[in-house]
């Protein structure tokens, strides 16, 4: 059983590979001063980069969870997501409204993908 961890920190890894599945930690924006559109764009770019490092891509997404702190931002977040996700290979998905770990973050996204 091989497990490969990427960008290991004191509390978590940003990505873990196991049995040809890539698990990403919940991703937040690098610039939390951005609006919901900007934060979502930043997060999806980070997801693209992490998936590529692990030998995967958004066309191989299996599962996604998206959290927003305010449902009034859900439509704007979805607009960015819809422009990014592979329309021929959408994952199963849940969208939730929740407080996040730090107040400036408006959205967090977590995905799993096949290799």
PDB file of N, CA and C in Angstrom:
ATOM      1  N   UNK A   1       0.852  -1.164   0.000  1.00  0.00           N
ATOM      2  CA  UNK A   1       0.000   0.000   0.000  1.00  0.00           C
ATOM      3  C   UNK A   1       0.901   1.230   0.000  1.00  0.00           C
ATOM      4  N   UNK A   2       0.952   1.926  -1.138  1.00  0.00           N
ATOM      5  CA  UNK A   2       1.762   3.133  -1.240  1.00  0.00           C
ATOM      6  C   UNK A   2       0.911   4.363  -0.979  1.00  0.00           C
ATOM      7  N   UNK A   3       1.435   5.250  -0.154  1.00  0.00           N
ATOM      8  CA  UNK A   3       0.806   6.534   0.112  1.00  0.00           C
ATOM      9  C   UNK A   3       1.860   7.597  -0.146  1.00  0.00           C
ATOM     10  N   UNK A   4       1.526   8.567  -0.987  1.00  0.00           N
ATOM     11  CA  UNK A   4       2.425   9.671  -1.283  1.00  0.00           C
ATOM     12  C   UNK A   4       1.781  10.955  -0.810  1.00  0.00           C
ATOM     13  N   UNK A   5       2.528  11.725  -0.026  1.00  0.00           N
ATOM     14  CA  UNK A   5       2.020  12.980   0.519  1.00  0.00           C
ATOM     15  C   UNK A   5       2.766  14.150  -0.132  1.00  0.00           C
ATOM     16  N   UNK A   6       2.029  15.206  -0.444  1.00  0.00           N
ATOM     17  CA  UNK A   6       2.601  16.385  -1.088  1.00  0.00           C
ATOM     18  C   UNK A   6       2.378  17.612  -0.213  1.00  0.00           C
ATOM     19  N   UNK A   7       3.390  18.472  -0.177  1.00  0.00           N
ATOM     20  CA  UNK A   7       3.313  19.723   0.583  1.00  0.00           C
ATOM     21  C   UNK A   7       2.877  19.443   2.032  1.00  0.00           C
ATOM     22  N   UNK A   8       3.695  18.648   2.685  1.00  0.00           N
ATOM     23  CA  UNK A   8       3.412  18.223   4.051  1.00  0.00           C
ATOM     24  C   UNK A   8       3.723  19.374   5.007  1.00  0.00           C
ATOM     25  N   UNK A   9       2.771  19.683   5.851  1.00  0.00           N
ATOM     26  CA  UNK A   9       2.956  20.720   6.860  1.00  0.00           C
ATOM     27  C   UNK A   9       2.821  20.133   8.244  1.00  0.00           C
ATOM     28  N   UNK A  10       2.848  20.976   9.250  1.00  0.00           N
ATOM     29  CA  UNK A  10       2.777  20.470  10.617  1.00  0.00           C
ATOM     30  C   UNK A  10       1.412  19.873  10.977  1.00  0.00           C
ATOM     31  N   UNK A  11       0.382  20.298  10.282  1.00  0.00           N
ATOM     32  CA  UNK A  11      -0.962  19.853  10.626  1.00  0.00           C
ATOM     33  C   UNK A  11      -1.573  18.940   9.560  1.00  0.00           C
ATOM     34  N   UNK A  12      -1.139  19.112   8.312  1.00  0.00           N
ATOM     35  CA  UNK A  12      -1.771  18.350   7.228  1.00  0.00           C
ATOM     36  C   UNK A  12      -0.907  18.379   5.985  1.00  0.00           C
ATOM     37  N   UNK A  13      -1.268  17.524   5.038  1.00  0.00           N
ATOM     38  CA  UNK A  13      -0.695  17.531   3.692  1.00  0.00           C
ATOM     39  C   UNK A  13      -1.694  18.226   2.773  1.00  0.00           C
ATOM     40  N   UNK A  14      -1.191  18.909   1.757  1.00  0.00           N
ATOM     41  CA  UNK A  14      -2.088  19.556   0.798  1.00  0.00           C
ATOM     42  C   UNK A  14      -2.693  18.545  -0.170  1.00  0.00           C
ATOM     43  N   UNK A  15      -1.966  17.444  -0.418  1.00  0.00           N
ATOM     44  CA  UNK A  15      -2.475  16.387  -1.303  1.00  0.00           C
ATOM     45  C   UNK A  15      -1.919  15.054  -0.830  1.00  0.00           C
ATOM     46  N   UNK A  16      -2.737  14.020  -0.979  1.00  0.00           N
ATOM     47  CA  UNK A  16      -2.325  12.652  -0.654  1.00  0.00           C
ATOM     48  C   UNK A  16      -2.787  11.753  -1.790  1.00  0.00           C
ATOM     49  N   UNK A  17      -1.870  10.892  -2.242  1.00  0.00           N
ATOM     50  CA  UNK A  17      -2.201   9.905  -3.279  1.00  0.00           C
ATOM     51  C   UNK A  17      -2.242   8.523  -2.639  1.00  0.00           C
ATOM     52  N   UNK A  18      -3.284   7.767  -2.982  1.00  0.00           N
ATOM     53  CA  UNK A  18      -3.419   6.401  -2.484  1.00  0.00           C
ATOM     54  C   UNK A  18      -4.325   5.628  -3.437  1.00  0.00           C
ATOM     55  N   UNK A  19      -3.884   4.442  -3.850  1.00  0.00           N
ATOM     56  CA  UNK A  19      -4.683   3.589  -4.740  1.00  0.00           C
ATOM     57  C   UNK A  19      -5.203   4.339  -5.963  1.00  0.00           C
ATOM     58  N   UNK A  20      -4.331   5.126  -6.595  1.00  0.00           N
ATOM     59  CA  UNK A  20      -4.661   5.876  -7.815  1.00  0.00           C
ATOM     60  C   UNK A  20      -5.759   6.910  -7.628  1.00  0.00           C
ATOM     61  N   UNK A  21      -5.931   7.367  -6.389  1.00  0.00           N
ATOM     62  CA  UNK A  21      -6.851   8.463  -6.098  1.00  0.00           C
ATOM     63  C   UNK A  21      -6.051   9.580  -5.447  1.00  0.00           C
ATOM     64  N   UNK A  22      -6.342  10.811  -5.846  1.00  0.00           N
ATOM     65  CA  UNK A  22      -5.702  12.002  -5.281  1.00  0.00           C
ATOM     66  C   UNK A  22      -6.728  12.697  -4.397  1.00  0.00           C
ATOM     67  N   UNK A  23      -6.358  12.926  -3.160  1.00  0.00           N
ATOM     68  CA  UNK A  23      -7.211  13.614  -2.185  1.00  0.00           C
ATOM     69  C   UNK A  23      -6.575  14.968  -1.898  1.00  0.00           C
ATOM     70  N   UNK A  24      -7.296  16.039  -2.113  1.00  0.00           N
ATOM     71  CA  UNK A  24      -6.773  17.366  -1.797  1.00  0.00           C
ATOM     72  C   UNK A  24      -7.389  17.879  -0.506  1.00  0.00           C
ATOM     73  N   UNK A  25      -6.582  18.575   0.261  1.00  0.00           N
ATOM     74  CA  UNK A  25      -7.091  19.272   1.442  1.00  0.00           C
ATOM     75  C   UNK A  25      -7.999  20.398   0.971  1.00  0.00           C
ATOM     76  N   UNK A  26      -8.830  20.891   1.856  1.00  0.00           N
ATOM     77  CA  UNK A  26      -9.646  22.044   1.524  1.00  0.00           C
ATOM     78  C   UNK A  26      -8.747  23.217   1.166  1.00  0.00           C
ATOM     79  N   UNK A  27      -9.028  23.850   0.048  1.00  0.00           N
ATOM     80  CA  UNK A  27      -8.205  24.948  -0.446  1.00  0.00           C
ATOM     81  C   UNK A  27      -8.927  26.271  -0.238  1.00  0.00           C
ATOM     82  N   UNK A  28      -8.173  27.269   0.200  1.00  0.00           N
ATOM     83  CA  UNK A  28      -8.692  28.627   0.348  1.00  0.00           C
ATOM     84  C   UNK A  28      -7.810  29.560  -0.470  1.00  0.00           C
ATOM     85  N   UNK A  29      -8.275  30.771  -0.668  1.00  0.00           N
ATOM     86  CA  UNK A  29      -7.553  31.755  -1.472  1.00  0.00           C
ATOM     87  C   UNK A  29      -6.261  32.187  -0.800  1.00  0.00           C
ATOM     88  N   UNK A  30      -5.251  32.491  -1.603  1.00  0.00           N
ATOM     89  CA  UNK A  30      -4.016  33.067  -1.071  1.00  0.00           C
ATOM     90  C   UNK A  30      -4.226  34.533  -0.701  1.00  0.00           C
ATOM     91  N   UNK A  31      -5.130  35.198  -1.409  1.00  0.00           N
ATOM     92  CA  UNK A  31      -5.446  36.600  -1.114  1.00  0.00           C
ATOM     93  C   UNK A  31      -6.896  36.682  -0.642  1.00  0.00           C
ATOM     94  N   UNK A  32      -7.122  36.596   0.664  1.00  0.00           N
ATOM     95  CA  UNK A  32      -8.496  36.611   1.164  1.00  0.00           C
ATOM     96  C   UNK A  32      -9.173  37.980   1.070  1.00  0.00           C
ATOM     97  N   UNK A  33      -8.459  38.989   0.588  1.00  0.00           N
ATOM     98  CA  UNK A  33      -9.080  40.302   0.385  1.00  0.00           C
ATOM     99  C   UNK A  33      -9.909  40.342  -0.896  1.00  0.00           C
ATOM    100  N   UNK A  34      -9.719  39.350  -1.761  1.00  0.00           N
ATOM    101  CA  UNK A  34     -10.474  39.282  -3.014  1.00  0.00           C
ATOM    102  C   UNK A  34     -11.940  38.975  -2.729  1.00  0.00           C
ATOM    103  N   UNK A  35     -12.804  39.335  -3.677  1.00  0.00           N
ATOM    104  CA  UNK A  35     -14.220  39.009  -3.540  1.00  0.00           C
ATOM    105  C   UNK A  35     -14.426  37.523  -3.827  1.00  0.00           C
ATOM    106  N   UNK A  36     -15.661  37.077  -3.775  1.00  0.00           N
ATOM    107  CA  UNK A  36     -15.957  35.648  -3.952  1.00  0.00           C
ATOM    108  C   UNK A  36     -15.473  35.132  -5.310  1.00  0.00           C
ATOM    109  N   UNK A  37     -15.607  35.938  -6.344  1.00  0.00           N
ATOM    110  CA  UNK A  37     -15.143  35.530  -7.671  1.00  0.00           C
ATOM    111  C   UNK A  37     -13.637  35.346  -7.667  1.00  0.00           C
ATOM    112  N   UNK A  38     -12.922  36.325  -7.141  1.00  0.00           N
ATOM    113  CA  UNK A  38     -11.465  36.241  -7.095  1.00  0.00           C
ATOM    114  C   UNK A  38     -10.969  35.103  -6.226  1.00  0.00           C
ATOM    115  N   UNK A  39     -11.594  34.917  -5.068  1.00  0.00           N
ATOM    116  CA  UNK A  39     -11.184  33.817  -4.197  1.00  0.00           C
ATOM    117  C   UNK A  39     -11.425  32.471  -4.874  1.00  0.00           C
ATOM    118  N   UNK A  40     -12.565  32.316  -5.529  1.00  0.00           N
ATOM    119  CA  UNK A  40     -12.861  31.050  -6.209  1.00  0.00           C
ATOM    120  C   UNK A  40     -11.866  30.804  -7.331  1.00  0.00           C
ATOM    121  N   UNK A  41     -11.534  31.831  -8.096  1.00  0.00           N
ATOM    122  CA  UNK A  41     -10.546  31.680  -9.174  1.00  0.00           C
ATOM    123  C   UNK A  41      -9.197  31.255  -8.613  1.00  0.00           C
ATOM    124  N   UNK A  42      -8.771  31.876  -7.525  1.00  0.00           N
ATOM    125  CA  UNK A  42      -7.494  31.510  -6.899  1.00  0.00           C
ATOM    126  C   UNK A  42      -7.493  30.048  -6.457  1.00  0.00           C
ATOM    127  N   UNK A  43      -8.576  29.633  -5.840  1.00  0.00           N
ATOM    128  CA  UNK A  43      -8.677  28.262  -5.334  1.00  0.00           C
ATOM    129  C   UNK A  43      -8.627  27.257  -6.478  1.00  0.00           C
ATOM    130  N   UNK A  44      -9.367  27.509  -7.530  1.00  0.00           N
ATOM    131  CA  UNK A  44      -9.391  26.564  -8.655  1.00  0.00           C
ATOM    132  C   UNK A  44      -8.034  26.491  -9.336  1.00  0.00           C
ATOM    133  N   UNK A  45      -7.306  27.589  -9.395  1.00  0.00           N
ATOM    134  CA  UNK A  45      -5.939  27.558  -9.931  1.00  0.00           C
ATOM    135  C   UNK A  45      -5.035  26.697  -9.049  1.00  0.00           C
ATOM    136  N   UNK A  46      -5.190  26.807  -7.726  1.00  0.00           N
ATOM    137  CA  UNK A  46      -4.412  25.975  -6.808  1.00  0.00           C
ATOM    138  C   UNK A  46      -4.765  24.499  -6.996  1.00  0.00           C
ATOM    139  N   UNK A  47      -6.049  24.212  -7.180  1.00  0.00           N
ATOM    140  CA  UNK A  47      -6.470  22.832  -7.403  1.00  0.00           C
ATOM    141  C   UNK A  47      -5.871  22.293  -8.692  1.00  0.00           C
ATOM    142  N   UNK A  48      -5.911  23.083  -9.770  1.00  0.00           N
ATOM    143  CA  UNK A  48      -5.288  22.658 -11.036  1.00  0.00           C
ATOM    144  C   UNK A  48      -3.822  22.302 -10.816  1.00  0.00           C
ATOM    145  N   UNK A  49      -3.099  23.161 -10.100  1.00  0.00           N
ATOM    146  CA  UNK A  49      -1.668  22.952  -9.872  1.00  0.00           C
ATOM    147  C   UNK A  49      -1.416  21.697  -9.038  1.00  0.00           C
ATOM    148  N   UNK A  50      -2.153  21.527  -7.951  1.00  0.00           N
ATOM    149  CA  UNK A  50      -1.958  20.350  -7.109  1.00  0.00           C
ATOM    150  C   UNK A  50      -2.307  19.061  -7.851  1.00  0.00           C
ATOM    151  N   UNK A  51      -3.400  19.068  -8.587  1.00  0.00           N
ATOM    152  CA  UNK A  51      -3.769  17.871  -9.351  1.00  0.00           C
ATOM    153  C   UNK A  51      -2.692  17.531 -10.372  1.00  0.00           C
ATOM    154  N   UNK A  52      -2.168  18.535 -11.064  1.00  0.00           N
ATOM    155  CA  UNK A  52      -1.111  18.298 -12.059  1.00  0.00           C
ATOM    156  C   UNK A  52       0.133  17.709 -11.401  1.00  0.00           C
ATOM    157  N   UNK A  53       0.507  18.221 -10.236  1.00  0.00           N
ATOM    158  CA  UNK A  53       1.664  17.686  -9.516  1.00  0.00           C
ATOM    159  C   UNK A  53       1.474  16.207  -9.185  1.00  0.00           C
ATOM    160  N   UNK A  54       0.241  15.797  -9.019  1.00  0.00           N
ATOM    161  CA  UNK A  54      -0.066  14.411  -8.654  1.00  0.00           C
ATOM    162  C   UNK A  54      -0.397  13.546  -9.866  1.00  0.00           C
ATOM    163  N   UNK A  55      -0.289  14.101 -11.060  1.00  0.00           N
ATOM    164  CA  UNK A  55      -0.564  13.329 -12.267  1.00  0.00           C
ATOM    165  C   UNK A  55      -2.037  13.198 -12.580  1.00  0.00           C
ATOM    166  N   UNK A  56      -2.821  14.189 -12.200  1.00  0.00           N
ATOM    167  CA  UNK A  56      -4.259  14.155 -12.457  1.00  0.00           C
ATOM    168  C   UNK A  56      -4.687  15.508 -13.028  1.00  0.00           C
ATOM    169  N   UNK A  57      -5.996  15.674 -13.187  1.00  0.00           N
ATOM    170  CA  UNK A  57      -6.530  16.934 -13.710  1.00  0.00           C
ATOM    171  C   UNK A  57      -8.010  17.026 -13.363  1.00  0.00           C
ATOM    172  N   UNK A  58      -8.578  18.185 -13.635  1.00  0.00           N
ATOM    173  CA  UNK A  58      -9.993  18.396 -13.330  1.00  0.00           C
ATOM    174  C   UNK A  58     -10.905  17.474 -14.140  1.00  0.00           C
ATOM    175  N   UNK A  59     -10.433  16.945 -15.257  1.00  0.00           N
ATOM    176  CA  UNK A  59     -11.255  16.015 -16.037  1.00  0.00           C
ATOM    177  C   UNK A  59     -11.392  14.666 -15.344  1.00  0.00           C
ATOM    178  N   UNK A  60     -10.599  14.454 -14.290  1.00  0.00           N
ATOM    179  CA  UNK A  60     -10.648  13.191 -13.547  1.00  0.00           C
ATOM    180  C   UNK A  60     -11.245  13.368 -12.155  1.00  0.00           C
ATOM    181  N   UNK A  61     -11.891  14.521 -11.910  1.00  0.00           N
ATOM    182  CA  UNK A  61     -12.516  14.746 -10.610  1.00  0.00           C
ATOM    183  C   UNK A  61     -13.576  13.690 -10.331  1.00  0.00           C
ATOM    184  N   UNK A  62     -13.593  13.216  -9.099  1.00  0.00           N
ATOM    185  CA  UNK A  62     -14.591  12.245  -8.660  1.00  0.00           C
ATOM    186  C   UNK A  62     -15.611  12.888  -7.727  1.00  0.00           C
ATOM    187  N   UNK A  63     -15.139  13.801  -6.874  1.00  0.00           N
ATOM    188  CA  UNK A  63     -15.931  14.289  -5.741  1.00  0.00           C
ATOM    189  C   UNK A  63     -15.480  15.698  -5.426  1.00  0.00           C
ATOM    190  N   UNK A  64     -16.422  16.546  -5.064  1.00  0.00           N
ATOM    191  CA  UNK A  64     -16.088  17.922  -4.662  1.00  0.00           C
ATOM    192  C   UNK A  64     -17.034  18.382  -3.564  1.00  0.00           C
ATOM    193  N   UNK A  65     -16.478  19.131  -2.617  1.00  0.00           N
ATOM    194  CA  UNK A  65     -17.282  19.835  -1.621  1.00  0.00           C
ATOM    195  C   UNK A  65     -16.870  21.295  -1.667  1.00  0.00           C
ATOM    196  N   UNK A  66     -17.868  22.163  -1.699  1.00  0.00           N
ATOM    197  CA  UNK A  66     -17.636  23.597  -1.767  1.00  0.00           C
ATOM    198  C   UNK A  66     -18.387  24.243  -0.618  1.00  0.00           C
ATOM    199  N   UNK A  67     -17.666  25.031   0.159  1.00  0.00           N
ATOM    200  CA  UNK A  67     -18.272  25.738   1.286  1.00  0.00           C
ATOM    201  C   UNK A  67     -18.229  27.229   0.993  1.00  0.00           C
ATOM    202  N   UNK A  68     -19.330  27.910   1.202  1.00  0.00           N
ATOM    203  CA  UNK A  68     -19.359  29.369   1.157  1.00  0.00           C
ATOM    204  C   UNK A  68     -19.835  29.858   2.521  1.00  0.00           C
ATOM    205  N   UNK A  69     -19.392  31.041   2.895  1.00  0.00           N
ATOM    206  CA  UNK A  69     -19.773  31.583   4.194  1.00  0.00           C
ATOM    207  C   UNK A  69     -21.107  32.312   4.150  1.00  0.00           C
ATOM    208  N   UNK A  70     -21.569  32.596   2.937  1.00  0.00           N
ATOM    209  CA  UNK A  70     -22.809  33.352   2.776  1.00  0.00           C
ATOM    210  C   UNK A  70     -23.496  32.870   1.499  1.00  0.00           C
ATOM    211  N   UNK A  71     -24.708  32.350   1.612  1.00  0.00           N
ATOM    212  CA  UNK A  71     -25.415  31.816   0.445  1.00  0.00           C
ATOM    213  C   UNK A  71     -25.661  32.875  -0.633  1.00  0.00           C
ATOM    214  N   UNK A  72     -25.575  34.142  -0.270  1.00  0.00           N
ATOM    215  CA  UNK A  72     -25.707  35.186  -1.285  1.00  0.00           C
ATOM    216  C   UNK A  72     -24.535  35.150  -2.273  1.00  0.00           C
ATOM    217  N   UNK A  73     -23.440  34.499  -1.899  1.00  0.00           N
ATOM    218  CA  UNK A  73     -22.270  34.368  -2.781  1.00  0.00           C
ATOM    219  C   UNK A  73     -22.285  33.080  -3.601  1.00  0.00           C
ATOM    220  N   UNK A  74     -23.265  32.221  -3.364  1.00  0.00           N
ATOM    221  CA  UNK A  74     -23.269  30.900  -3.996  1.00  0.00           C
ATOM    222  C   UNK A  74     -23.352  30.989  -5.515  1.00  0.00           C
ATOM    223  N   UNK A  75     -24.192  31.871  -6.018  1.00  0.00           N
ATOM    224  CA  UNK A  75     -24.349  31.998  -7.473  1.00  0.00           C
ATOM    225  C   UNK A  75     -23.051  32.484  -8.121  1.00  0.00           C
ATOM    226  N   UNK A  76     -22.382  33.464  -7.518  1.00  0.00           N
ATOM    227  CA  UNK A  76     -21.127  33.973  -8.081  1.00  0.00           C
ATOM    228  C   UNK A  76     -20.039  32.898  -8.035  1.00  0.00           C
ATOM    229  N   UNK A  77     -19.980  32.129  -6.947  1.00  0.00           N
ATOM    230  CA  UNK A  77     -19.018  31.039  -6.853  1.00  0.00           C
ATOM    231  C   UNK A  77     -19.317  29.994  -7.928  1.00  0.00           C
ATOM    232  N   UNK A  78     -20.599  29.660  -8.097  1.00  0.00           N
ATOM    233  CA  UNK A  78     -20.989  28.685  -9.121  1.00  0.00           C
ATOM    234  C   UNK A  78     -20.637  29.154 -10.522  1.00  0.00           C
ATOM    235  N   UNK A  79     -20.726  30.452 -10.790  1.00  0.00           N
ATOM    236  CA  UNK A  79     -20.385  30.971 -12.117  1.00  0.00           C
ATOM    237  C   UNK A  79     -18.921  30.688 -12.445  1.00  0.00           C
ATOM    238  N   UNK A  80     -18.051  30.862 -11.457  1.00  0.00           N
ATOM    239  CA  UNK A  80     -16.631  30.565 -11.672  1.00  0.00           C
ATOM    240  C   UNK A  80     -16.435  29.057 -11.801  1.00  0.00           C
ATOM    241  N   UNK A  81     -17.041  28.293 -10.923  1.00  0.00           N
ATOM    242  CA  UNK A  81     -16.949  26.825 -10.975  1.00  0.00           C
ATOM    243  C   UNK A  81     -17.420  26.308 -12.333  1.00  0.00           C
ATOM    244  N   UNK A  82     -18.570  26.792 -12.799  1.00  0.00           N
ATOM    245  CA  UNK A  82     -19.133  26.312 -14.063  1.00  0.00           C
ATOM    246  C   UNK A  82     -18.215  26.609 -15.246  1.00  0.00           C
ATOM    247  N   UNK A  83     -17.491  27.714 -15.198  1.00  0.00           N
ATOM    248  CA  UNK A  83     -16.545  28.037 -16.257  1.00  0.00           C
ATOM    249  C   UNK A  83     -15.264  27.230 -16.181  1.00  0.00           C
ATOM    250  N   UNK A  84     -15.012  26.613 -15.046  1.00  0.00           N
ATOM    251  CA  UNK A  84     -13.780  25.855 -14.827  1.00  0.00           C
ATOM    252  C   UNK A  84     -13.967  24.349 -14.971  1.00  0.00           C
ATOM    253  N   UNK A  85     -15.038  23.812 -14.424  1.00  0.00           N
ATOM    254  CA  UNK A  85     -15.215  22.356 -14.389  1.00  0.00           C
ATOM    255  C   UNK A  85     -15.348  21.798 -15.807  1.00  0.00           C
ATOM    256  N   UNK A  86     -14.822  20.587 -16.016  1.00  0.00           N
ATOM    257  CA  UNK A  86     -14.936  19.920 -17.310  1.00  0.00           C
ATOM    258  C   UNK A  86     -16.394  19.505 -17.506  1.00  0.00           C
ATOM    259  N   UNK A  87     -17.106  20.115 -18.464  1.00  0.00           N
ATOM    260  CA  UNK A  87     -18.536  19.819 -18.613  1.00  0.00           C
ATOM    261  C   UNK A  87     -18.828  18.371 -19.008  1.00  0.00           C
ATOM    262  N   UNK A  88     -17.843  17.687 -19.581  1.00  0.00           N
ATOM    263  CA  UNK A  88     -18.039  16.286 -19.961  1.00  0.00           C
ATOM    264  C   UNK A  88     -17.738  15.325 -18.814  1.00  0.00           C
ATOM    265  N   UNK A  89     -17.127  15.839 -17.749  1.00  0.00           N
ATOM    266  CA  UNK A  89     -16.712  14.973 -16.640  1.00  0.00           C
ATOM    267  C   UNK A  89     -16.941  15.643 -15.291  1.00  0.00           C
ATOM    268  N   UNK A  90     -18.150  16.091 -15.002  1.00  0.00           N
ATOM    269  CA  UNK A  90     -18.375  16.740 -13.710  1.00  0.00           C
ATOM    270  C   UNK A  90     -18.356  15.707 -12.572  1.00  0.00           C
ATOM    271  N   UNK A  91     -17.836  16.119 -11.416  1.00  0.00           N
ATOM    272  CA  UNK A  91     -17.809  15.207 -10.274  1.00  0.00           C
ATOM    273  C   UNK A  91     -19.148  15.198  -9.546  1.00  0.00           C
ATOM    274  N   UNK A  92     -19.312  14.271  -8.624  1.00  0.00           N
ATOM    275  CA  UNK A  92     -20.389  14.426  -7.651  1.00  0.00           C
ATOM    276  C   UNK A  92     -19.994  15.621  -6.812  1.00  0.00           C
ATOM    277  N   UNK A  93     -20.975  16.313  -6.241  1.00  0.00           N
ATOM    278  CA  UNK A  93     -20.636  17.568  -5.579  1.00  0.00           C
ATOM    279  C   UNK A  93     -21.639  17.897  -4.500  1.00  0.00           C
ATOM    280  N   UNK A  94     -21.142  18.539  -3.453  1.00  0.00           N
ATOM    281  CA  UNK A  94     -22.009  19.097  -2.417  1.00  0.00           C
ATOM    282  C   UNK A  94     -21.602  20.551  -2.229  1.00  0.00           C
ATOM    283  N   UNK A  95     -22.596  21.411  -2.062  1.00  0.00           N
ATOM    284  CA  UNK A  95     -22.349  22.815  -1.768  1.00  0.00           C
ATOM    285  C   UNK A  95     -22.954  23.123  -0.406  1.00  0.00           C
ATOM    286  N   UNK A  96     -22.154  23.712   0.455  1.00  0.00           N
ATOM    287  CA  UNK A  96     -22.598  23.951   1.818  1.00  0.00           C
ATOM    288  C   UNK A  96     -22.343  25.393   2.226  1.00  0.00           C
ATOM    289  N   UNK A  97     -23.106  25.863   3.200  1.00  0.00           N
ATOM    290  CA  UNK A  97     -22.899  27.171   3.787  1.00  0.00           C
ATOM    291  C   UNK A  97     -22.398  26.949   5.207  1.00  0.00           C
ATOM    292  N   UNK A  98     -21.241  27.555   5.523  1.00  0.00           N
ATOM    293  CA  UNK A  98     -20.627  27.314   6.820  1.00  0.00           C
ATOM    294  C   UNK A  98     -19.639  28.427   7.136  1.00  0.00           C
ATOM    295  N   UNK A  99     -19.419  28.668   8.408  1.00  0.00           N
ATOM    296  CA  UNK A  99     -18.306  29.525   8.804  1.00  0.00           C
ATOM    297  C   UNK A  99     -17.021  28.775   8.472  1.00  0.00           C
ATOM    298  N   UNK A 100     -15.985  29.511   8.077  1.00  0.00           N
ATOM    299  CA  UNK A 100     -14.694  28.899   7.785  1.00  0.00           C
ATOM    300  C   UNK A 100     -13.709  29.232   8.901  1.00  0.00           C
ATOM    301  N   UNK A 101     -12.523  28.670   8.820  1.00  0.00           N
ATOM    302  CA  UNK A 101     -11.555  28.782   9.907  1.00  0.00           C
ATOM    303  C   UNK A 101     -11.116  30.220  10.195  1.00  0.00           C
ATOM    304  N   UNK A 102     -11.100  31.067   9.183  1.00  0.00           N
ATOM    305  CA  UNK A 102     -10.702  32.467   9.375  1.00  0.00           C
ATOM    306  C   UNK A 102     -11.716  33.363   8.659  1.00  0.00           C
ATOM    307  N   UNK A 103     -12.148  34.420   9.297  1.00  0.00           N
ATOM    308  CA  UNK A 103     -13.215  35.262   8.755  1.00  0.00           C
ATOM    309  C   UNK A 103     -13.009  35.830   7.348  1.00  0.00           C
ATOM    310  N   UNK A 104     -11.789  36.151   6.903  1.00  0.00           N
ATOM    311  CA  UNK A 104     -11.707  36.748   5.563  1.00  0.00           C
ATOM    312  C   UNK A 104     -11.997  35.773   4.421  1.00  0.00           C
ATOM    313  N   UNK A 105     -11.945  34.475   4.699  1.00  0.00           N
ATOM    314  CA  UNK A 105     -12.195  33.508   3.636  1.00  0.00           C
ATOM    315  C   UNK A 105     -13.688  33.402   3.367  1.00  0.00           C
ATOM    316  N   UNK A 106     -14.046  33.468   2.095  1.00  0.00           N
ATOM    317  CA  UNK A 106     -15.447  33.421   1.682  1.00  0.00           C
ATOM    318  C   UNK A 106     -15.833  32.061   1.118  1.00  0.00           C
ATOM    319  N   UNK A 107     -14.844  31.269   0.701  1.00  0.00           N
ATOM    320  CA  UNK A 107     -15.110  29.981   0.063  1.00  0.00           C
ATOM    321  C   UNK A 107     -13.929  29.040   0.323  1.00  0.00           C
ATOM    322  N   UNK A 108     -14.241  27.755   0.436  1.00  0.00           N
ATOM    323  CA  UNK A 108     -13.237  26.701   0.547  1.00  0.00           C
ATOM    324  C   UNK A 108     -13.708  25.544  -0.318  1.00  0.00           C
ATOM    325  N   UNK A 109     -12.777  24.918  -1.035  1.00  0.00           N
ATOM    326  CA  UNK A 109     -13.129  23.831  -1.944  1.00  0.00           C
ATOM    327  C   UNK A 109     -12.184  22.667  -1.696  1.00  0.00           C
ATOM    328  N   UNK A 110     -12.768  21.476  -1.649  1.00  0.00           N
ATOM    329  CA  UNK A 110     -12.020  20.232  -1.430  1.00  0.00           C
ATOM    330  C   UNK A 110     -12.439  19.242  -2.502  1.00  0.00           C
ATOM    331  N   UNK A 111     -11.469  18.549  -3.133  1.00  0.00           N
ATOM    332  CA  UNK A 111     -11.791  17.610  -4.192  1.00  0.00           C
ATOM    333  C   UNK A 111     -11.018  16.314  -4.037  1.00  0.00           C
ATOM    334  N   UNK A 112     -11.508  15.285  -4.723  1.00  0.00           N
ATOM    335  CA  UNK A 112     -10.808  14.016  -4.930  1.00  0.00           C
ATOM    336  C   UNK A 112     -10.846  13.741  -6.422  1.00  0.00           C
ATOM    337  N   UNK A 113      -9.764  13.150  -6.931  1.00  0.00           N
ATOM    338  CA  UNK A 113      -9.689  12.857  -8.367  1.00  0.00           C
ATOM    339  C   UNK A 113      -8.977  11.540  -8.581  1.00  0.00           C
ATOM    340  N   UNK A 114      -9.300  10.877  -9.685  1.00  0.00           N
ATOM    341  CA  UNK A 114      -8.566   9.682 -10.100  1.00  0.00           C
ATOM    342  C   UNK A 114      -7.242  10.127 -10.702  1.00  0.00           C
ATOM    343  N   UNK A 115      -6.277   9.224 -10.719  1.00  0.00           N
ATOM    344  CA  UNK A 115      -4.984   9.527 -11.357  1.00  0.00           C
ATOM    345  C   UNK A 115      -5.079   9.272 -12.832  1.00  0.00           C
TER     346      UNK A 115
END
